[in-house]
Amino acid sequence: MTPMTDLEKQVYDAIVEDCTYDYSSSVKEVSDRTGLKISTVKGAVGSLVKKGHVAAETEERGGTVFKDLWPMDEWENTLSFGDWN
């Protein structure tokens, strides 16, 4: 995997933290956790996806569209320890 910048590491760590307690993370949750602007988080997430550090998926559940984020390990497995509600 390609190394992360300091900003990417900050965003990645926030995603890991969110996925420790929840099924997935989101741009909004990362923004709230880090204090970074949503546009900054979106840019970092896009880069992390391209580098293979984060998986992103858009899905509809119960009529609401969710854009889920998960951290990935070095074997490209998604990591999530929380519960899906």
N, C-alpha and C. Protein backbone atom coordinates (compact mmCIF):
# COMPACT_ATOMS: atom_id res chain seq x y z
N MET A 1 0.84 -1.19 0.00
CA MET A 1 0.00 0.00 0.00
C MET A 1 0.88 1.25 0.00
N THR A 2 0.36 2.28 -0.61
CA THR A 2 1.05 3.56 -0.66
C THR A 2 0.97 4.23 0.71
N PRO A 3 2.08 4.84 1.17
CA PRO A 3 2.05 5.52 2.48
C PRO A 3 1.02 6.65 2.52
N MET A 4 0.57 6.95 3.73
CA MET A 4 -0.42 8.02 3.95
C MET A 4 0.27 9.32 4.33
N THR A 5 -0.35 10.43 3.91
CA THR A 5 0.08 11.75 4.38
C THR A 5 -0.43 11.93 5.81
N ASP A 6 0.00 12.98 6.48
CA ASP A 6 -0.47 13.26 7.84
C ASP A 6 -1.98 13.47 7.87
N LEU A 7 -2.52 14.19 6.90
CA LEU A 7 -3.97 14.41 6.82
C LEU A 7 -4.70 13.09 6.61
N GLU A 8 -4.22 12.28 5.68
CA GLU A 8 -4.84 10.98 5.43
C GLU A 8 -4.80 10.10 6.68
N LYS A 9 -3.72 10.13 7.39
CA LYS A 9 -3.59 9.34 8.62
C LYS A 9 -4.62 9.81 9.65
N GLN A 10 -4.80 11.12 9.78
CA GLN A 10 -5.80 11.67 10.70
C GLN A 10 -7.20 11.19 10.34
N VAL A 11 -7.54 11.23 9.05
CA VAL A 11 -8.84 10.79 8.58
C VAL A 11 -8.98 9.28 8.75
N TYR A 12 -7.95 8.53 8.39
CA TYR A 12 -7.98 7.07 8.54
C TYR A 12 -8.19 6.68 10.01
N ASP A 13 -7.47 7.31 10.91
CA ASP A 13 -7.61 7.01 12.34
C ASP A 13 -9.03 7.29 12.83
N ALA A 14 -9.65 8.35 12.33
CA ALA A 14 -11.04 8.67 12.72
C ALA A 14 -11.99 7.59 12.19
N ILE A 15 -11.75 7.10 10.99
CA ILE A 15 -12.58 6.03 10.43
C ILE A 15 -12.43 4.76 11.27
N VAL A 16 -11.20 4.43 11.64
CA VAL A 16 -10.96 3.27 12.50
C VAL A 16 -11.70 3.42 13.82
N GLU A 17 -11.62 4.59 14.42
CA GLU A 17 -12.30 4.84 15.69
C GLU A 17 -13.81 4.66 15.55
N ASP A 18 -14.37 5.22 14.48
CA ASP A 18 -15.82 5.07 14.26
C ASP A 18 -16.19 3.60 14.08
N CYS A 19 -15.38 2.86 13.35
CA CYS A 19 -15.69 1.45 13.07
C CYS A 19 -15.42 0.53 14.26
N THR A 20 -14.83 1.08 15.31
CA THR A 20 -14.66 0.31 16.53
C THR A 20 -16.00 0.16 17.24
N TYR A 21 -16.87 1.15 17.07
CA TYR A 21 -18.15 1.17 17.78
C TYR A 21 -19.37 1.03 16.87
N ASP A 22 -19.20 1.36 15.58
CA ASP A 22 -20.30 1.31 14.62
C ASP A 22 -19.92 0.40 13.46
N TYR A 23 -20.93 0.06 12.68
CA TYR A 23 -20.74 -0.79 11.50
C TYR A 23 -19.81 -0.13 10.48
N SER A 24 -19.92 1.19 10.32
CA SER A 24 -19.12 1.92 9.34
C SER A 24 -18.96 3.36 9.80
N SER A 25 -18.24 4.12 9.02
CA SER A 25 -18.07 5.55 9.28
C SER A 25 -18.64 6.31 8.10
N SER A 26 -18.62 7.63 8.20
CA SER A 26 -19.09 8.49 7.09
C SER A 26 -18.25 9.77 7.08
N VAL A 27 -18.33 10.49 5.99
CA VAL A 27 -17.61 11.76 5.87
C VAL A 27 -18.05 12.71 6.99
N LYS A 28 -19.34 12.77 7.25
CA LYS A 28 -19.86 13.66 8.31
C LYS A 28 -19.30 13.27 9.68
N GLU A 29 -19.29 11.97 9.97
CA GLU A 29 -18.76 11.52 11.27
C GLU A 29 -17.27 11.84 11.40
N VAL A 30 -16.52 11.66 10.33
CA VAL A 30 -15.09 11.98 10.35
C VAL A 30 -14.90 13.47 10.54
N SER A 31 -15.69 14.28 9.85
CA SER A 31 -15.62 15.73 9.99
C SER A 31 -15.91 16.15 11.43
N ASP A 32 -16.96 15.57 12.01
CA ASP A 32 -17.31 15.90 13.40
C ASP A 32 -16.20 15.48 14.37
N ARG A 33 -15.64 14.30 14.15
CA ARG A 33 -14.61 13.77 15.06
C ARG A 33 -13.31 14.56 14.99
N THR A 34 -12.93 14.99 13.77
CA THR A 34 -11.63 15.64 13.58
C THR A 34 -11.68 17.16 13.57
N GLY A 35 -12.87 17.74 13.31
CA GLY A 35 -12.96 19.19 13.17
C GLY A 35 -12.55 19.68 11.80
N LEU A 36 -12.29 18.75 10.87
CA LEU A 36 -11.93 19.12 9.50
C LEU A 36 -13.18 19.45 8.69
N LYS A 37 -13.04 20.31 7.70
CA LYS A 37 -14.15 20.63 6.81
C LYS A 37 -14.54 19.38 6.01
N ILE A 38 -15.82 19.28 5.68
CA ILE A 38 -16.30 18.13 4.91
C ILE A 38 -15.55 18.02 3.58
N SER A 39 -15.30 19.13 2.92
CA SER A 39 -14.58 19.09 1.64
C SER A 39 -13.16 18.53 1.82
N THR A 40 -12.52 18.85 2.92
CA THR A 40 -11.18 18.33 3.21
C THR A 40 -11.24 16.83 3.45
N VAL A 41 -12.23 16.40 4.21
CA VAL A 41 -12.40 14.96 4.49
C VAL A 41 -12.68 14.21 3.20
N LYS A 42 -13.56 14.75 2.34
CA LYS A 42 -13.88 14.09 1.07
C LYS A 42 -12.62 13.90 0.23
N GLY A 43 -11.78 14.91 0.17
CA GLY A 43 -10.54 14.81 -0.60
C GLY A 43 -9.61 13.75 -0.05
N ALA A 44 -9.48 13.72 1.27
CA ALA A 44 -8.62 12.72 1.91
C ALA A 44 -9.18 11.32 1.72
N VAL A 45 -10.50 11.17 1.84
CA VAL A 45 -11.13 9.86 1.65
C VAL A 45 -10.92 9.38 0.22
N GLY A 46 -11.09 10.26 -0.76
CA GLY A 46 -10.86 9.88 -2.15
C GLY A 46 -9.45 9.36 -2.37
N SER A 47 -8.49 10.04 -1.78
CA SER A 47 -7.10 9.62 -1.89
C SER A 47 -6.87 8.28 -1.18
N LEU A 48 -7.48 8.12 0.00
CA LEU A 48 -7.33 6.87 0.75
C LEU A 48 -7.95 5.69 0.00
N VAL A 49 -9.07 5.92 -0.68
CA VAL A 49 -9.69 4.87 -1.49
C VAL A 49 -8.76 4.48 -2.63
N LYS A 50 -8.21 5.48 -3.33
CA LYS A 50 -7.30 5.20 -4.45
C LYS A 50 -6.06 4.43 -3.99
N LYS A 51 -5.59 4.75 -2.78
CA LYS A 51 -4.39 4.09 -2.25
C LYS A 51 -4.69 2.71 -1.64
N GLY A 52 -5.98 2.38 -1.51
CA GLY A 52 -6.35 1.08 -0.97
C GLY A 52 -6.42 0.99 0.54
N HIS A 53 -6.46 2.14 1.22
CA HIS A 53 -6.53 2.16 2.68
C HIS A 53 -7.97 2.18 3.21
N VAL A 54 -8.91 2.60 2.36
CA VAL A 54 -10.31 2.75 2.77
C VAL A 54 -11.21 2.19 1.68
N ALA A 55 -12.27 1.52 2.10
CA ALA A 55 -13.32 1.07 1.17
C ALA A 55 -14.53 1.98 1.36
N ALA A 56 -15.18 2.32 0.27
CA ALA A 56 -16.36 3.18 0.31
C ALA A 56 -17.48 2.54 -0.49
N GLU A 57 -18.70 2.67 0.02
CA GLU A 57 -19.86 2.08 -0.64
C GLU A 57 -21.07 2.97 -0.40
N THR A 58 -21.87 3.14 -1.44
CA THR A 58 -23.14 3.85 -1.32
C THR A 58 -24.26 2.82 -1.36
N GLU A 59 -25.15 2.90 -0.40
CA GLU A 59 -26.28 1.96 -0.38
C GLU A 59 -27.51 2.63 0.20
N GLU A 60 -28.65 2.07 -0.13
CA GLU A 60 -29.91 2.57 0.40
C GLU A 60 -30.44 1.57 1.41
N ARG A 61 -30.79 2.10 2.59
CA ARG A 61 -31.38 1.27 3.65
C ARG A 61 -32.58 2.02 4.20
N GLY A 62 -33.73 1.42 4.14
CA GLY A 62 -34.94 2.04 4.68
C GLY A 62 -35.29 3.36 4.06
N GLY A 63 -34.99 3.53 2.76
CA GLY A 63 -35.32 4.76 2.07
C GLY A 63 -34.30 5.88 2.25
N THR A 64 -33.22 5.61 2.98
CA THR A 64 -32.18 6.60 3.19
C THR A 64 -30.90 6.13 2.51
N VAL A 65 -30.19 7.04 1.84
CA VAL A 65 -28.94 6.71 1.18
C VAL A 65 -27.79 6.92 2.16
N PHE A 66 -26.97 5.90 2.31
CA PHE A 66 -25.80 5.95 3.19
C PHE A 66 -24.54 5.81 2.35
N LYS A 67 -23.52 6.56 2.70
CA LYS A 67 -22.21 6.43 2.07
C LYS A 67 -21.27 5.94 3.16
N ASP A 68 -21.10 4.62 3.20
CA ASP A 68 -20.32 3.97 4.25
C ASP A 68 -18.83 3.97 3.93
N LEU A 69 -18.02 4.10 4.96
CA LEU A 69 -16.57 4.04 4.86
C LEU A 69 -16.05 2.99 5.84
N TRP A 70 -15.08 2.21 5.40
CA TRP A 70 -14.42 1.24 6.27
C TRP A 70 -12.92 1.31 6.07
N PRO A 71 -12.14 1.19 7.15
CA PRO A 71 -10.69 1.08 6.99
C PRO A 71 -10.37 -0.30 6.43
N MET A 72 -9.24 -0.40 5.74
CA MET A 72 -8.81 -1.69 5.20
C MET A 72 -7.43 -2.03 5.75
N ASP A 73 -7.18 -3.31 5.96
CA ASP A 73 -5.87 -3.74 6.42
C ASP A 73 -4.95 -4.01 5.23
N GLU A 74 -3.74 -4.45 5.50
CA GLU A 74 -2.77 -4.66 4.42
C GLU A 74 -3.14 -5.80 3.48
N TRP A 75 -4.11 -6.63 3.85
CA TRP A 75 -4.58 -7.72 3.00
C TRP A 75 -5.89 -7.35 2.30
N GLU A 76 -6.25 -6.07 2.37
CA GLU A 76 -7.45 -5.52 1.73
C GLU A 76 -8.75 -6.05 2.32
N ASN A 77 -8.73 -6.42 3.60
CA ASN A 77 -9.94 -6.78 4.33
C ASN A 77 -10.51 -5.53 4.98
N THR A 78 -11.82 -5.35 4.92
CA THR A 78 -12.41 -4.22 5.63
C THR A 78 -12.48 -4.54 7.11
N LEU A 79 -12.32 -3.51 7.92
CA LEU A 79 -12.30 -3.67 9.37
C LEU A 79 -13.50 -2.98 9.99
N SER A 80 -14.29 -3.71 10.72
CA SER A 80 -15.43 -3.15 11.43
C SER A 80 -15.72 -4.02 12.63
N PHE A 81 -15.70 -3.41 13.78
CA PHE A 81 -15.90 -4.16 15.01
C PHE A 81 -17.22 -3.83 15.70
N GLY A 82 -17.88 -2.78 15.20
CA GLY A 82 -19.14 -2.35 15.80
C GLY A 82 -20.33 -3.10 15.24
N ASP A 83 -21.49 -2.76 15.74
CA ASP A 83 -22.72 -3.40 15.33
C ASP A 83 -23.41 -2.61 14.24
N TRP A 84 -24.11 -3.30 13.35
CA TRP A 84 -24.94 -2.65 12.35
C TRP A 84 -26.33 -2.51 12.92
N ASN A 85 -26.81 -1.28 12.99
CA ASN A 85 -28.14 -1.03 13.56
C ASN A 85 -29.14 -0.79 12.48
